[in-house]
Amino acid sequence: MNTFISLWEEETNETFEQVIEKSKLVLSLIEKLKLILLETPSCDLNNRTILQHQGSILRLQELLSLKVDVATELLLRQASTLADLDSGNMEKTIQDENITLYVWANLKKNPRYRSVKFADTEIGFEIPRILATSDIAIRLLHTRYDHVTPLYTTDLPEEKEPTPVVSEHFKTAESTERDNNTEEKVSVEEKAASQDDQAESRQQGELSIVREEIKFEVPGDIDIKRVRCTEDVETTKYKLEMKLLSEAVSAAQLHLVENVSEMPEVTDDYEADLCHFSTLGGVYHLDILELPPQCKQVKGWVLVEILQEGLQRFVYPPETAEEPDPENAFPPIEVTLEVHEKVVFFEDPKVIRWDAEGKLWRTDGISNIVYNRETRLITFSLDTVGPVALIQDAHINMPYQSWELRPLDANKVLMTVTTLFLELQIHIKENLCMLASIKLEDQDRLSHLEGKWMTPAPFILALKEAGLNIFPTVYSHFYVVINNKMPLVEMKAYRQMALLSAAFSFRWSKWNMVCNSTRVVFWVKEDLAAAAKDHLLMFSGERAQVLKMREDSDVFSETLEEETEFHSTLYHMVKDFASPEAMTKVRHSNCQFIDSVCHMLLSVRVLSYS
């Protein structure tokens, strides 16, 4: 990575087209580094690795921005040779899948030429008289990515590390393997006995892990106390590793459904809360630049003056300006932008601007916002230029109106989530997810997502970037009225639903809103048997039962269905009414498939946000 960055820093005089081509690789590297930080379990990432990857991301972003500025300067040096015959000014558009450049150079300085609109588009701006008579250029750089917002806008709560006692056991086992000392073995046994007692108490309490969750749990506790001196140390070491892994997985999954207790701090009345809103469609960088010296042809030679300080910004309004003129000598700049075609706004977008000094997005300094839904054009006035972005309520599709998880083929399910504005259908198989169908007015704009298989993390990011956010964060409960469930109960329910998803379908029930936070209620049905009956299940994390009441009952009741009994897990509950073929299909489910289904359920949180 360092070699790549160093070599690119040494390259000079790259045209904008060359920078755009190189940017594809740079953006790919940035996405891979972000995915590594996102997908790698926290127990496998140390602080040094995290800081190293974050540093590489920032260096790549800064270098790409620098290269864009240098390429813009090279282009503006040739403005006089690229001037339009009618207006005498230069207008240039360079478009790519990730970057679009609109640049206008004011060569004629005609005070009556104050309206700029780029060819074959409605994109442009209205500039005040002082700019129309200045030696400037205006650059509008639309990047589909966001390299302005800091990598982490808020400090998330630190994840709890795995139980240190297990790590201590692991180290002790390694020490035993090295010198086979009897005293050390006794020490291991004593610590193991203590660990066994702790494990038993956890099993009786809320932190118990259901043994029957075949694909997620390593059954049984490690009873090192019973290990004989002659037992193979490798076996003990393996068991300890599996227990540590199981606890790490449980902690990571539990973290996905936990809520923080304090709202994110907003220090300014005009600060944009990025926990409440999300930027969509990339960033629009609007800059007023000082026009560099132009190329001159002298006796067959092309002479150009190269300024050592490089591309310079034109400050507007001037910082040295005294009291404002009564006639408003420095009025706002009117800008017209086109909303990115591959994002969906369910309400009129809001406009925010970047405050470089405060390192945050702000809503002030922007006025007269007008949005045309048919043309997808948005017009607004800016007091000062800089990066601007469009935002939408990140929770506009929450809470969900209903949901369903239904098996399709072997190791393949269909997850359907219905909201006020849309219906999403997601296919899940092995370790992949795909947007199978979406029902909304502007369906054609999202054709780039349909039918494309991705691993869960990139898939979730792609839906968020398209405006299809059905993935709550640890702060979402502050902005959505939800049926909040206990994190441990919710996690256990998702794990067992994923375990059974190969042969059973699950769907929403209105009674889930009525029961308290320590219980979840949903419908379950065997998918293999044509005459299978729907069962209304209630689960508390420790006990599962089939309820007698139906969806159209008048009041909520915990009365058991006749000829049914309590069970400790959903797995044993469904065995009472499932066919042998269904249970066989469950036992032969693919581990990656179960993990992917569980990951999506934990990410969408249908039991708390429906």
Foldseek 3Di string as FASTA:
>chain_A
DVVVLVVVVPDDDDAPVRLVVVVVVLVVLLVVLVVCVVVPFPQVDDPVNVVVSLVSNLSSLVVSVVVNQRNVLSVLLAQQVQADPPPSKHWDWDDDPFKIKTKIFQPPLDLVPQWDAHPPDRWTWGAHSVLSNARWMKMKMFGQAAPQADPDNFDDDDFDAFDVLLVVLLVLLVVCVVPVDPVSLVVSQVSLVVVVVVLVVCCVDLNNDDQPLVLQADHDDDNSNPDDSPDDSVVVNVRSVRVNVSRSVVSVLLQLQAADDDATDDPDPFFDDCLFKPFARGKIWIFMWRRAHHWDADPNDTDGDDDPVGIGTDWPPDPPDDPADPVGNRFWMKTKDAGDLQADAPDDWQKWFADPVVSGIGRPQKDDWDADPVRRMIMITGRGGGMMTTMHGLCPQFQWPKWKWAADDQQKIWIWTHGPAKIWIWIFHQQWIAGADMDHDSRVSNPVGHPDIDGDPVNQVSCVNRVNRLFRGSNVVVPGPKQAADSSQLLQVLSQCLLLSNFKMKMDAPCLSVDHRQKGWIWMWGDPDPPIDIFIWMTRQQKIATACDDRPDDDDDRHGNPPADIDRHVLVRCVVPDDPVSNVSSVPHDSSSSVNSSVVCSRNVNSITD
